[in-house]
Amino acid sequence: MESRQEMASVLKTPSMSVRTKLLHQIGLPLYNTSHGFHEAELKIKLQEFPGGSIDLQKKENGIGILTLNNPSKRNAISGVMMLQLLEKVTELENWTEGKGLIVHGANATFSSGSDLNAVKALGTPEYGVALCMFMQNTLTRLMRLPLISVALVQGWALGGGAELITACDLRLMTRESQVRFVHKEMGIVPSWGGATRLAQIIGSRQALKVLSGALKLDSEYALKLGLADEVLKPSDGTECLEDAQEWLQQFVQGPPEVIRALKRSVYSGRELCFQEALQTERDLVGTLWGGPANLTAIAMKGKFCK
């Protein structure tokens, strides 16, 4: 993660708005103590709810595999898993060789959402808002990783699990898998940023239908809505993960610095105003133009149409 001195240097750059400067800071949270968010206190509380783990494998080809591993509870996300997810996202922020990421659940199930033990114990509005800010911080950092991320949805993705898949750039589903935002049935709204991201992915009109109807989205319907990018052929859990890696490979071929810059450029276009996004694109070009990848590509003149 960048140092305070580096952050201060970027914030003094005159051609960048504060919003642009903040987006440039990898690992910068949305909420801090100025918003009434006391992360250290919440972390202590979340440690009271163990179970499961978040596992990360970083492969030599630049693809990371992030696994939600709590199969006895259909990969429900416990308090300890929330803490571990933040740790893994931080690790990925510092993985300079990384290009892609696959997020999936153990034993061919994505996730049934938050562990109910933690939900019941954190039943006050104060805890609810604190947990909301913690998970919005984590999933926004996941979304902004300079890696092309894919959620591999097998089985169910419910509640918080459904919100998590919206923090990935792309989504693959198996034919029998389903996504459901069950929040209305629990008397709440999505709190991990899922409603906001869902509206960006499928549009506000369709998002309102999905959320207010607590609709069960099978793979065909999710594909039609634009929530899913592709439906994988039926296979076992191991083969699905291999298929997902092969599918992702088409988008992450090339030097890490180019793939990471492309991801950053696209997300700047989504999160910044038009002029600021153009300025970010300009800055990214300056880091690549005349570099090793660019010079190698120029030397291949006339070979791109083959």
C-alpha atoms as a PDB file:
ATOM      1  CA  MET A   1       0.000   0.000   0.000  1.00  0.00           C
ATOM      2  CA  GLU A   2       1.211   3.483  -0.819  1.00  0.00           C
ATOM      3  CA  SER A   3       2.795   5.494   1.983  1.00  0.00           C
ATOM      4  CA  ARG A   4       1.321   8.641   3.503  1.00  0.00           C
ATOM      5  CA  GLN A   5       4.064  10.665   1.808  1.00  0.00           C
ATOM      6  CA  GLU A   6       3.157   9.257  -1.609  1.00  0.00           C
ATOM      7  CA  MET A   7      -0.519   9.955  -0.950  1.00  0.00           C
ATOM      8  CA  ALA A   8       0.253  13.539   0.014  1.00  0.00           C
ATOM      9  CA  SER A   9       2.305  13.951  -3.166  1.00  0.00           C
ATOM     10  CA  VAL A  10      -0.573  12.791  -5.353  1.00  0.00           C
ATOM     11  CA  LEU A  11      -3.061  14.988  -3.533  1.00  0.00           C
ATOM     12  CA  LYS A  12      -0.890  18.047  -4.316  1.00  0.00           C
ATOM     13  CA  THR A  13      -0.954  17.364  -8.086  1.00  0.00           C
ATOM     14  CA  PRO A  14      -2.767  20.436  -9.460  1.00  0.00           C
ATOM     15  CA  SER A  15      -4.310  18.826 -12.564  1.00  0.00           C
ATOM     16  CA  MET A  16      -6.286  16.253 -10.577  1.00  0.00           C
ATOM     17  CA  SER A  17      -9.523  16.769  -8.652  1.00  0.00           C
ATOM     18  CA  VAL A  18      -9.776  15.433  -5.108  1.00  0.00           C
ATOM     19  CA  ARG A  19     -12.135  12.706  -6.357  1.00  0.00           C
ATOM     20  CA  THR A  20      -9.614  11.588  -8.988  1.00  0.00           C
ATOM     21  CA  LYS A  21      -6.753  11.694  -6.523  1.00  0.00           C
ATOM     22  CA  LEU A  22      -8.636   9.519  -4.053  1.00  0.00           C
ATOM     23  CA  LEU A  23      -9.513   6.969  -6.750  1.00  0.00           C
ATOM     24  CA  HIS A  24      -5.809   6.717  -7.581  1.00  0.00           C
ATOM     25  CA  GLN A  25      -5.043   5.567  -4.053  1.00  0.00           C
ATOM     26  CA  ILE A  26      -5.097   1.773  -3.981  1.00  0.00           C
ATOM     27  CA  GLY A  27      -6.402   0.574  -0.629  1.00  0.00           C
ATOM     28  CA  LEU A  28      -7.993   3.853   0.423  1.00  0.00           C
ATOM     29  CA  PRO A  29     -11.251   3.157   2.354  1.00  0.00           C
ATOM     30  CA  LEU A  30     -14.554   4.915   1.788  1.00  0.00           C
ATOM     31  CA  TYR A  31     -15.167   5.398   5.506  1.00  0.00           C
ATOM     32  CA  ASN A  32     -12.979   6.367   8.439  1.00  0.00           C
ATOM     33  CA  THR A  33     -13.365   7.942  11.869  1.00  0.00           C
ATOM     34  CA  SER A  34     -14.638  11.178  10.324  1.00  0.00           C
ATOM     35  CA  HIS A  35     -17.723   9.173   9.297  1.00  0.00           C
ATOM     36  CA  GLY A  36     -18.110   7.712  12.778  1.00  0.00           C
ATOM     37  CA  PHE A  37     -16.538   4.429  11.685  1.00  0.00           C
ATOM     38  CA  HIS A  38     -14.174   2.828  14.204  1.00  0.00           C
ATOM     39  CA  GLU A  39     -12.680  -0.115  12.352  1.00  0.00           C
ATOM     40  CA  ALA A  40     -10.450  -1.394  15.160  1.00  0.00           C
ATOM     41  CA  GLU A  41     -13.394  -1.756  17.540  1.00  0.00           C
ATOM     42  CA  LEU A  42     -15.496  -3.619  14.971  1.00  0.00           C
ATOM     43  CA  LYS A  43     -12.623  -5.967  14.153  1.00  0.00           C
ATOM     44  CA  ILE A  44     -12.447  -7.026  17.790  1.00  0.00           C
ATOM     45  CA  LYS A  45     -16.179  -7.751  17.735  1.00  0.00           C
ATOM     46  CA  LEU A  46     -16.014  -9.742  14.487  1.00  0.00           C
ATOM     47  CA  GLN A  47     -13.361 -12.010  15.977  1.00  0.00           C
ATOM     48  CA  GLU A  48     -16.082 -13.350  18.280  1.00  0.00           C
ATOM     49  CA  PHE A  49     -17.694 -15.139  15.313  1.00  0.00           C
ATOM     50  CA  PRO A  50     -15.301 -17.810  14.014  1.00  0.00           C
ATOM     51  CA  GLY A  51     -15.863 -20.424  11.333  1.00  0.00           C
ATOM     52  CA  GLY A  52     -14.580 -21.020   7.839  1.00  0.00           C
ATOM     53  CA  SER A  53     -11.779 -19.206   6.057  1.00  0.00           C
ATOM     54  CA  ILE A  54     -10.968 -17.098   3.022  1.00  0.00           C
ATOM     55  CA  ASP A  55      -8.205 -18.816   1.067  1.00  0.00           C
ATOM     56  CA  LEU A  56      -6.028 -17.207  -1.581  1.00  0.00           C
ATOM     57  CA  GLN A  57      -3.834 -18.876  -4.163  1.00  0.00           C
ATOM     58  CA  LYS A  58      -1.680 -16.678  -6.405  1.00  0.00           C
ATOM     59  CA  LYS A  59      -0.633 -18.548  -9.533  1.00  0.00           C
ATOM     60  CA  GLU A  60       2.419 -17.952 -11.698  1.00  0.00           C
ATOM     61  CA  ASN A  61       0.228 -17.042 -14.679  1.00  0.00           C
ATOM     62  CA  GLY A  62      -0.991 -13.961 -12.790  1.00  0.00           C
ATOM     63  CA  ILE A  63      -4.424 -15.350 -11.894  1.00  0.00           C
ATOM     64  CA  GLY A  64      -5.448 -15.474  -8.250  1.00  0.00           C
ATOM     65  CA  ILE A  65      -8.022 -17.886  -6.817  1.00  0.00           C
ATOM     66  CA  LEU A  66     -10.014 -16.539  -3.853  1.00  0.00           C
ATOM     67  CA  THR A  67     -12.082 -19.251  -2.130  1.00  0.00           C
ATOM     68  CA  LEU A  68     -14.937 -18.803   0.333  1.00  0.00           C
ATOM     69  CA  ASN A  69     -14.391 -21.871   2.478  1.00  0.00           C
ATOM     70  CA  ASN A  70     -17.116 -22.654   4.986  1.00  0.00           C
ATOM     71  CA  PRO A  71     -18.877 -25.645   3.375  1.00  0.00           C
ATOM     72  CA  SER A  72     -20.706 -26.834   6.499  1.00  0.00           C
ATOM     73  CA  LYS A  73     -22.738 -23.592   6.329  1.00  0.00           C
ATOM     74  CA  ARG A  74     -22.916 -23.319   2.528  1.00  0.00           C
ATOM     75  CA  ASN A  75     -19.990 -20.908   2.688  1.00  0.00           C
ATOM     76  CA  ALA A  76     -21.794 -18.421   4.912  1.00  0.00           C
ATOM     77  CA  ILE A  77     -19.455 -15.531   5.652  1.00  0.00           C
ATOM     78  CA  SER A  78     -18.562 -15.461   9.355  1.00  0.00           C
ATOM     79  CA  GLY A  79     -17.083 -12.532  11.253  1.00  0.00           C
ATOM     80  CA  VAL A  80     -13.593 -14.025  11.008  1.00  0.00           C
ATOM     81  CA  MET A  81     -14.092 -14.555   7.261  1.00  0.00           C
ATOM     82  CA  MET A  82     -14.992 -10.869   6.870  1.00  0.00           C
ATOM     83  CA  LEU A  83     -11.696  -9.976   8.528  1.00  0.00           C
ATOM     84  CA  GLN A  84      -9.803 -12.453   6.357  1.00  0.00           C
ATOM     85  CA  LEU A  85     -11.460 -11.107   3.213  1.00  0.00           C
ATOM     86  CA  LEU A  86     -10.065  -7.664   4.013  1.00  0.00           C
ATOM     87  CA  GLU A  87      -6.620  -9.197   4.588  1.00  0.00           C
ATOM     88  CA  LYS A  88      -6.725 -11.019   1.245  1.00  0.00           C
ATOM     89  CA  VAL A  89      -7.864  -7.910  -0.622  1.00  0.00           C
ATOM     90  CA  THR A  90      -4.958  -6.011   0.915  1.00  0.00           C
ATOM     91  CA  GLU A  91      -2.599  -8.776  -0.195  1.00  0.00           C
ATOM     92  CA  LEU A  92      -3.992  -8.608  -3.726  1.00  0.00           C
ATOM     93  CA  GLU A  93      -3.562  -4.832  -3.797  1.00  0.00           C
ATOM     94  CA  ASN A  94       0.151  -5.403  -3.336  1.00  0.00           C
ATOM     95  CA  TRP A  95       0.459  -8.268  -5.866  1.00  0.00           C
ATOM     96  CA  THR A  96       2.148  -6.385  -8.689  1.00  0.00           C
ATOM     97  CA  GLU A  97       2.423  -9.487 -10.901  1.00  0.00           C
ATOM     98  CA  GLY A  98      -1.328 -10.139 -10.729  1.00  0.00           C
ATOM     99  CA  LYS A  99      -3.625  -9.754 -13.724  1.00  0.00           C
ATOM    100  CA  GLY A 100      -6.812 -11.653 -12.911  1.00  0.00           C
ATOM    101  CA  LEU A 101      -8.842 -13.024 -10.018  1.00  0.00           C
ATOM    102  CA  ILE A 102     -11.496 -15.722  -9.677  1.00  0.00           C
ATOM    103  CA  VAL A 103     -13.779 -15.618  -6.636  1.00  0.00           C
ATOM    104  CA  HIS A 104     -15.657 -18.844  -5.890  1.00  0.00           C
ATOM    105  CA  GLY A 105     -17.027 -20.978  -3.075  1.00  0.00           C
ATOM    106  CA  ALA A 106     -15.837 -24.344  -1.833  1.00  0.00           C
ATOM    107  CA  ASN A 107     -17.782 -27.523  -2.622  1.00  0.00           C
ATOM    108  CA  ALA A 108     -19.614 -26.130  -5.662  1.00  0.00           C
ATOM    109  CA  THR A 109     -21.609 -23.520  -3.703  1.00  0.00           C
ATOM    110  CA  PHE A 110     -20.862 -19.818  -3.864  1.00  0.00           C
ATOM    111  CA  SER A 111     -22.212 -18.410  -0.589  1.00  0.00           C
ATOM    112  CA  SER A 112     -25.416 -18.309   1.444  1.00  0.00           C
ATOM    113  CA  GLY A 113     -24.535 -14.795   2.672  1.00  0.00           C
ATOM    114  CA  SER A 114     -23.737 -13.592   6.178  1.00  0.00           C
ATOM    115  CA  ASP A 115     -23.453 -16.106   9.002  1.00  0.00           C
ATOM    116  CA  LEU A 116     -26.712 -15.742  10.949  1.00  0.00           C
ATOM    117  CA  ASN A 117     -24.909 -16.086  14.273  1.00  0.00           C
ATOM    118  CA  ALA A 118     -23.097 -12.830  13.586  1.00  0.00           C
ATOM    119  CA  VAL A 119     -26.228 -11.178  12.186  1.00  0.00           C
ATOM    120  CA  LYS A 120     -28.217 -11.960  15.327  1.00  0.00           C
ATOM    121  CA  ALA A 121     -25.458 -10.822  17.697  1.00  0.00           C
ATOM    122  CA  LEU A 122     -24.920  -7.573  15.782  1.00  0.00           C
ATOM    123  CA  GLY A 123     -28.613  -6.728  15.901  1.00  0.00           C
ATOM    124  CA  THR A 124     -28.489  -3.044  16.817  1.00  0.00           C
ATOM    125  CA  PRO A 125     -28.652  -0.230  14.242  1.00  0.00           C
ATOM    126  CA  GLU A 126     -25.208   0.941  15.385  1.00  0.00           C
ATOM    127  CA  TYR A 127     -23.630  -2.421  14.669  1.00  0.00           C
ATOM    128  CA  GLY A 128     -25.578  -2.700  11.409  1.00  0.00           C
ATOM    129  CA  VAL A 129     -24.207   0.589  10.114  1.00  0.00           C
ATOM    130  CA  ALA A 130     -20.679  -0.232  11.298  1.00  0.00           C
ATOM    131  CA  LEU A 131     -20.781  -3.602   9.526  1.00  0.00           C
ATOM    132  CA  CYS A 132     -22.195  -1.893   6.438  1.00  0.00           C
ATOM    133  CA  MET A 133     -19.254   0.538   6.337  1.00  0.00           C
ATOM    134  CA  PHE A 134     -16.721  -2.235   6.956  1.00  0.00           C
ATOM    135  CA  MET A 135     -18.004  -4.425   4.107  1.00  0.00           C
ATOM    136  CA  GLN A 136     -18.516  -1.483   1.743  1.00  0.00           C
ATOM    137  CA  ASN A 137     -14.892  -0.541   2.371  1.00  0.00           C
ATOM    138  CA  THR A 138     -13.724  -4.094   1.664  1.00  0.00           C
ATOM    139  CA  LEU A 139     -15.848  -4.758  -1.418  1.00  0.00           C
ATOM    140  CA  THR A 140     -15.106  -1.362  -2.957  1.00  0.00           C
ATOM    141  CA  ARG A 141     -11.408  -2.132  -2.618  1.00  0.00           C
ATOM    142  CA  LEU A 142     -12.061  -5.545  -4.174  1.00  0.00           C
ATOM    143  CA  MET A 143     -13.910  -3.895  -7.054  1.00  0.00           C
ATOM    144  CA  ARG A 144     -11.089  -1.392  -7.610  1.00  0.00           C
ATOM    145  CA  LEU A 145      -8.301  -3.984  -7.634  1.00  0.00           C
ATOM    146  CA  PRO A 146      -6.120  -3.559 -10.747  1.00  0.00           C
ATOM    147  CA  LEU A 147      -7.057  -7.138 -11.652  1.00  0.00           C
ATOM    148  CA  ILE A 148      -9.832  -8.381 -13.934  1.00  0.00           C
ATOM    149  CA  SER A 149     -12.050 -10.243 -11.481  1.00  0.00           C
ATOM    150  CA  VAL A 150     -14.592 -12.971 -12.165  1.00  0.00           C
ATOM    151  CA  ALA A 151     -17.163 -14.438  -9.788  1.00  0.00           C
ATOM    152  CA  LEU A 152     -17.702 -18.132 -10.479  1.00  0.00           C
ATOM    153  CA  VAL A 153     -21.235 -18.853  -9.252  1.00  0.00           C
ATOM    154  CA  GLN A 154     -22.038 -22.485  -8.516  1.00  0.00           C
ATOM    155  CA  GLY A 155     -25.058 -23.479  -6.465  1.00  0.00           C
ATOM    156  CA  TRP A 156     -26.514 -20.529  -4.580  1.00  0.00           C
ATOM    157  CA  ALA A 157     -25.348 -16.941  -4.182  1.00  0.00           C
ATOM    158  CA  LEU A 158     -27.733 -15.527  -1.577  1.00  0.00           C
ATOM    159  CA  GLY A 159     -27.915 -12.202   0.256  1.00  0.00           C
ATOM    160  CA  GLY A 160     -24.367 -11.082   1.006  1.00  0.00           C
ATOM    161  CA  GLY A 161     -23.135 -13.713  -1.437  1.00  0.00           C
ATOM    162  CA  ALA A 162     -25.193 -12.044  -4.179  1.00  0.00           C
ATOM    163  CA  GLU A 163     -23.763  -8.678  -3.181  1.00  0.00           C
ATOM    164  CA  LEU A 164     -20.235 -10.072  -3.368  1.00  0.00           C
ATOM    165  CA  ILE A 165     -20.593 -11.182  -6.990  1.00  0.00           C
ATOM    166  CA  THR A 166     -21.498  -7.604  -7.972  1.00  0.00           C
ATOM    167  CA  ALA A 167     -18.086  -6.458  -6.695  1.00  0.00           C
ATOM    168  CA  CYS A 168     -16.426  -8.540  -9.425  1.00  0.00           C
ATOM    169  CA  ASP A 169     -15.971  -7.243 -12.965  1.00  0.00           C
ATOM    170  CA  LEU A 170     -17.490 -10.309 -14.615  1.00  0.00           C
ATOM    171  CA  ARG A 171     -19.668 -13.240 -13.592  1.00  0.00           C
ATOM    172  CA  LEU A 172     -19.790 -16.845 -14.743  1.00  0.00           C
ATOM    173  CA  MET A 173     -22.628 -19.148 -13.719  1.00  0.00           C
ATOM    174  CA  THR A 174     -23.165 -22.864 -13.997  1.00  0.00           C
ATOM    175  CA  ARG A 175     -26.450 -23.973 -15.537  1.00  0.00           C
ATOM    176  CA  GLU A 176     -28.008 -25.009 -12.221  1.00  0.00           C
ATOM    177  CA  SER A 177     -26.801 -22.032 -10.161  1.00  0.00           C
ATOM    178  CA  GLN A 178     -29.042 -19.276  -8.812  1.00  0.00           C
ATOM    179  CA  VAL A 179     -28.583 -15.755  -7.471  1.00  0.00           C
ATOM    180  CA  ARG A 180     -31.051 -14.191  -5.084  1.00  0.00           C
ATOM    181  CA  PHE A 181     -31.002 -10.902  -3.205  1.00  0.00           C
ATOM    182  CA  VAL A 182     -33.107 -11.984  -0.218  1.00  0.00           C
ATOM    183  CA  HIS A 183     -32.729  -8.759   1.753  1.00  0.00           C
ATOM    184  CA  LYS A 184     -36.383  -7.698   1.455  1.00  0.00           C
ATOM    185  CA  GLU A 185     -37.457 -11.000   2.999  1.00  0.00           C
ATOM    186  CA  MET A 186     -35.198 -10.170   5.968  1.00  0.00           C
ATOM    187  CA  GLY A 187     -36.665  -6.692   6.391  1.00  0.00           C
ATOM    188  CA  ILE A 188     -33.550  -4.827   5.213  1.00  0.00           C
ATOM    189  CA  VAL A 189     -31.885  -3.525   2.056  1.00  0.00           C
ATOM    190  CA  PRO A 190     -28.506  -4.624   0.668  1.00  0.00           C
ATOM    191  CA  SER A 191     -25.825  -3.101   2.892  1.00  0.00           C
ATOM    192  CA  TRP A 192     -22.537  -4.144   1.285  1.00  0.00           C
ATOM    193  CA  GLY A 193     -22.985  -1.899  -1.772  1.00  0.00           C
ATOM    194  CA  GLY A 194     -24.912  -4.553  -3.679  1.00  0.00           C
ATOM    195  CA  ALA A 195     -27.895  -2.402  -4.683  1.00  0.00           C
ATOM    196  CA  THR A 196     -25.685   0.380  -6.042  1.00  0.00           C
ATOM    197  CA  ARG A 197     -23.472  -1.992  -8.012  1.00  0.00           C
ATOM    198  CA  LEU A 198     -26.421  -4.047  -9.277  1.00  0.00           C
ATOM    199  CA  ALA A 199     -28.032  -0.892 -10.697  1.00  0.00           C
ATOM    200  CA  GLN A 200     -24.777  -0.071 -12.484  1.00  0.00           C
ATOM    201  CA  ILE A 201     -24.594  -3.587 -13.944  1.00  0.00           C
ATOM    202  CA  ILE A 202     -28.182  -4.195 -15.111  1.00  0.00           C
ATOM    203  CA  GLY A 203     -29.741  -0.718 -14.879  1.00  0.00           C
ATOM    204  CA  SER A 204     -31.900   0.807 -12.151  1.00  0.00           C
ATOM    205  CA  ARG A 205     -35.222  -0.410 -13.584  1.00  0.00           C
ATOM    206  CA  GLN A 206     -34.224  -4.062 -13.662  1.00  0.00           C
ATOM    207  CA  ALA A 207     -32.380  -3.775 -10.345  1.00  0.00           C
ATOM    208  CA  LEU A 208     -35.559  -2.481  -8.695  1.00  0.00           C
ATOM    209  CA  LYS A 209     -37.469  -5.520  -9.961  1.00  0.00           C
ATOM    210  CA  VAL A 210     -34.779  -7.937  -8.801  1.00  0.00           C
ATOM    211  CA  LEU A 211     -34.525  -6.408  -5.327  1.00  0.00           C
ATOM    212  CA  SER A 212     -38.189  -5.635  -4.619  1.00  0.00           C
ATOM    213  CA  GLY A 213     -39.279  -9.022  -5.925  1.00  0.00           C
ATOM    214  CA  ALA A 214     -36.443 -10.913  -4.204  1.00  0.00           C
ATOM    215  CA  LEU A 215     -36.353 -12.734  -7.528  1.00  0.00           C
ATOM    216  CA  LYS A 216     -34.624 -16.071  -7.995  1.00  0.00           C
ATOM    217  CA  LEU A 217     -32.240 -15.494 -10.891  1.00  0.00           C
ATOM    218  CA  ASP A 218     -31.340 -18.721 -12.628  1.00  0.00           C
ATOM    219  CA  SER A 219     -28.459 -18.725 -15.071  1.00  0.00           C
ATOM    220  CA  GLU A 220     -30.663 -18.116 -18.121  1.00  0.00           C
ATOM    221  CA  TYR A 221     -32.433 -15.137 -16.551  1.00  0.00           C
ATOM    222  CA  ALA A 222     -29.177 -13.692 -15.186  1.00  0.00           C
ATOM    223  CA  LEU A 223     -27.639 -13.957 -18.653  1.00  0.00           C
ATOM    224  CA  LYS A 224     -30.634 -12.188 -20.195  1.00  0.00           C
ATOM    225  CA  LEU A 225     -30.410  -9.372 -17.621  1.00  0.00           C
ATOM    226  CA  GLY A 226     -26.680  -8.930 -18.218  1.00  0.00           C
ATOM    227  CA  LEU A 227     -25.767  -9.986 -14.680  1.00  0.00           C
ATOM    228  CA  ALA A 228     -24.062 -13.140 -15.952  1.00  0.00           C
ATOM    229  CA  ASP A 229     -21.516 -12.940 -18.775  1.00  0.00           C
ATOM    230  CA  GLU A 230     -21.598 -16.611 -19.713  1.00  0.00           C
ATOM    231  CA  VAL A 231     -23.047 -19.927 -18.565  1.00  0.00           C
ATOM    232  CA  LEU A 232     -20.548 -22.753 -18.236  1.00  0.00           C
ATOM    233  CA  LYS A 233     -21.298 -26.260 -19.436  1.00  0.00           C
ATOM    234  CA  PRO A 234     -22.225 -28.783 -16.712  1.00  0.00           C
ATOM    235  CA  SER A 235     -19.183 -30.260 -14.980  1.00  0.00           C
ATOM    236  CA  ASP A 236     -17.920 -30.978 -11.491  1.00  0.00           C
ATOM    237  CA  GLY A 237     -16.473 -28.333  -9.169  1.00  0.00           C
ATOM    238  CA  THR A 238     -12.848 -28.832 -10.146  1.00  0.00           C
ATOM    239  CA  GLU A 239     -13.590 -28.733 -13.869  1.00  0.00           C
ATOM    240  CA  CYS A 240     -15.697 -25.582 -13.437  1.00  0.00           C
ATOM    241  CA  LEU A 241     -12.797 -23.795 -11.802  1.00  0.00           C
ATOM    242  CA  GLU A 242     -10.498 -24.907 -14.615  1.00  0.00           C
ATOM    243  CA  ASP A 243     -13.059 -23.747 -17.190  1.00  0.00           C
ATOM    244  CA  ALA A 244     -13.302 -20.374 -15.454  1.00  0.00           C
ATOM    245  CA  GLN A 245      -9.530 -19.952 -15.515  1.00  0.00           C
ATOM    246  CA  GLU A 246      -9.439 -20.811 -19.216  1.00  0.00           C
ATOM    247  CA  TRP A 247     -12.269 -18.345 -19.895  1.00  0.00           C
ATOM    248  CA  LEU A 248     -10.530 -15.577 -17.954  1.00  0.00           C
ATOM    249  CA  GLN A 249      -7.211 -16.230 -19.685  1.00  0.00           C
ATOM    250  CA  GLN A 250      -8.470 -14.652 -22.921  1.00  0.00           C
ATOM    251  CA  PHE A 251      -8.779 -11.312 -21.114  1.00  0.00           C
ATOM    252  CA  VAL A 252      -5.526 -11.344 -19.139  1.00  0.00           C
ATOM    253  CA  GLN A 253      -3.049 -12.393 -21.822  1.00  0.00           C
ATOM    254  CA  GLY A 254      -0.271  -9.832 -22.001  1.00  0.00           C
ATOM    255  CA  PRO A 255       2.014  -7.899 -19.664  1.00  0.00           C
ATOM    256  CA  PRO A 256       0.619  -7.177 -16.172  1.00  0.00           C
ATOM    257  CA  GLU A 257       1.233  -3.441 -16.492  1.00  0.00           C
ATOM    258  CA  VAL A 258      -1.010  -3.258 -19.572  1.00  0.00           C
ATOM    259  CA  ILE A 259      -3.860  -5.363 -18.134  1.00  0.00           C
ATOM    260  CA  ARG A 260      -3.794  -3.422 -14.865  1.00  0.00           C
ATOM    261  CA  ALA A 261      -3.809  -0.081 -16.688  1.00  0.00           C
ATOM    262  CA  LEU A 262      -6.773  -1.183 -18.818  1.00  0.00           C
ATOM    263  CA  LYS A 263      -8.759  -2.109 -15.711  1.00  0.00           C
ATOM    264  CA  ARG A 264      -7.930   1.206 -14.081  1.00  0.00           C
ATOM    265  CA  SER A 265      -8.859   3.134 -17.207  1.00  0.00           C
ATOM    266  CA  VAL A 266     -12.274   1.490 -17.504  1.00  0.00           C
ATOM    267  CA  TYR A 267     -13.129   1.998 -13.842  1.00  0.00           C
ATOM    268  CA  SER A 268     -12.038   5.629 -13.976  1.00  0.00           C
ATOM    269  CA  GLY A 269     -14.521   6.044 -16.820  1.00  0.00           C
ATOM    270  CA  ARG A 270     -17.263   4.631 -14.606  1.00  0.00           C
ATOM    271  CA  GLU A 271     -16.487   6.403 -11.335  1.00  0.00           C
ATOM    272  CA  LEU A 272     -15.198   9.795 -12.499  1.00  0.00           C
ATOM    273  CA  CYS A 273     -16.689  12.571 -14.575  1.00  0.00           C
ATOM    274  CA  PHE A 274     -15.808  12.547 -18.274  1.00  0.00           C
ATOM    275  CA  GLN A 275     -12.974  15.080 -18.151  1.00  0.00           C
ATOM    276  CA  GLU A 276     -11.359  13.484 -15.100  1.00  0.00           C
ATOM    277  CA  ALA A 277     -11.555  10.049 -16.713  1.00  0.00           C
ATOM    278  CA  LEU A 278      -9.850  11.401 -19.832  1.00  0.00           C
ATOM    279  CA  GLN A 279      -7.076  12.842 -17.689  1.00  0.00           C
ATOM    280  CA  THR A 280      -6.618   9.487 -15.984  1.00  0.00           C
ATOM    281  CA  GLU A 281      -6.392   7.820 -19.404  1.00  0.00           C
ATOM    282  CA  ARG A 282      -3.752  10.365 -20.391  1.00  0.00           C
ATOM    283  CA  ASP A 283      -1.742   9.616 -17.266  1.00  0.00           C
ATOM    284  CA  LEU A 284      -1.933   5.867 -17.887  1.00  0.00           C
ATOM    285  CA  VAL A 285      -0.739   6.292 -21.464  1.00  0.00           C
ATOM    286  CA  GLY A 286       2.290   8.106 -20.078  1.00  0.00           C
ATOM    287  CA  THR A 287       3.223   5.050 -18.027  1.00  0.00           C
ATOM    288  CA  LEU A 288       3.057   2.677 -21.025  1.00  0.00           C
ATOM    289  CA  TRP A 289       3.981   4.641 -24.180  1.00  0.00           C
ATOM    290  CA  GLY A 290       7.493   3.739 -25.257  1.00  0.00           C
ATOM    291  CA  GLY A 291       7.698   1.017 -22.633  1.00  0.00           C
ATOM    292  CA  PRO A 292       8.807  -2.587 -23.215  1.00  0.00           C
ATOM    293  CA  ALA A 293       5.322  -3.897 -24.094  1.00  0.00           C
ATOM    294  CA  ASN A 294       4.680  -1.003 -26.482  1.00  0.00           C
ATOM    295  CA  LEU A 295       8.039  -1.338 -28.245  1.00  0.00           C
ATOM    296  CA  THR A 296       7.615  -5.111 -28.636  1.00  0.00           C
ATOM    297  CA  ALA A 297       4.165  -4.608 -30.147  1.00  0.00           C
ATOM    298  CA  ILE A 298       5.495  -2.010 -32.608  1.00  0.00           C
ATOM    299  CA  ALA A 299       8.202  -4.453 -33.690  1.00  0.00           C
ATOM    300  CA  MET A 300       5.370  -6.879 -34.648  1.00  0.00           C
ATOM    301  CA  LYS A 301       4.059  -4.429 -37.259  1.00  0.00           C
ATOM    302  CA  GLY A 302       1.581  -6.036 -39.618  1.00  0.00           C
ATOM    303  CA  LYS A 303       1.008  -9.143 -37.495  1.00  0.00           C
ATOM    304  CA  PHE A 304      -2.165  -8.091 -35.667  1.00  0.00           C
ATOM    305  CA  CYS A 305      -4.517  -9.171 -38.443  1.00  0.00           C
ATOM    306  CA  LYS A 306      -3.235 -12.720 -38.537  1.00  0.00           C
END
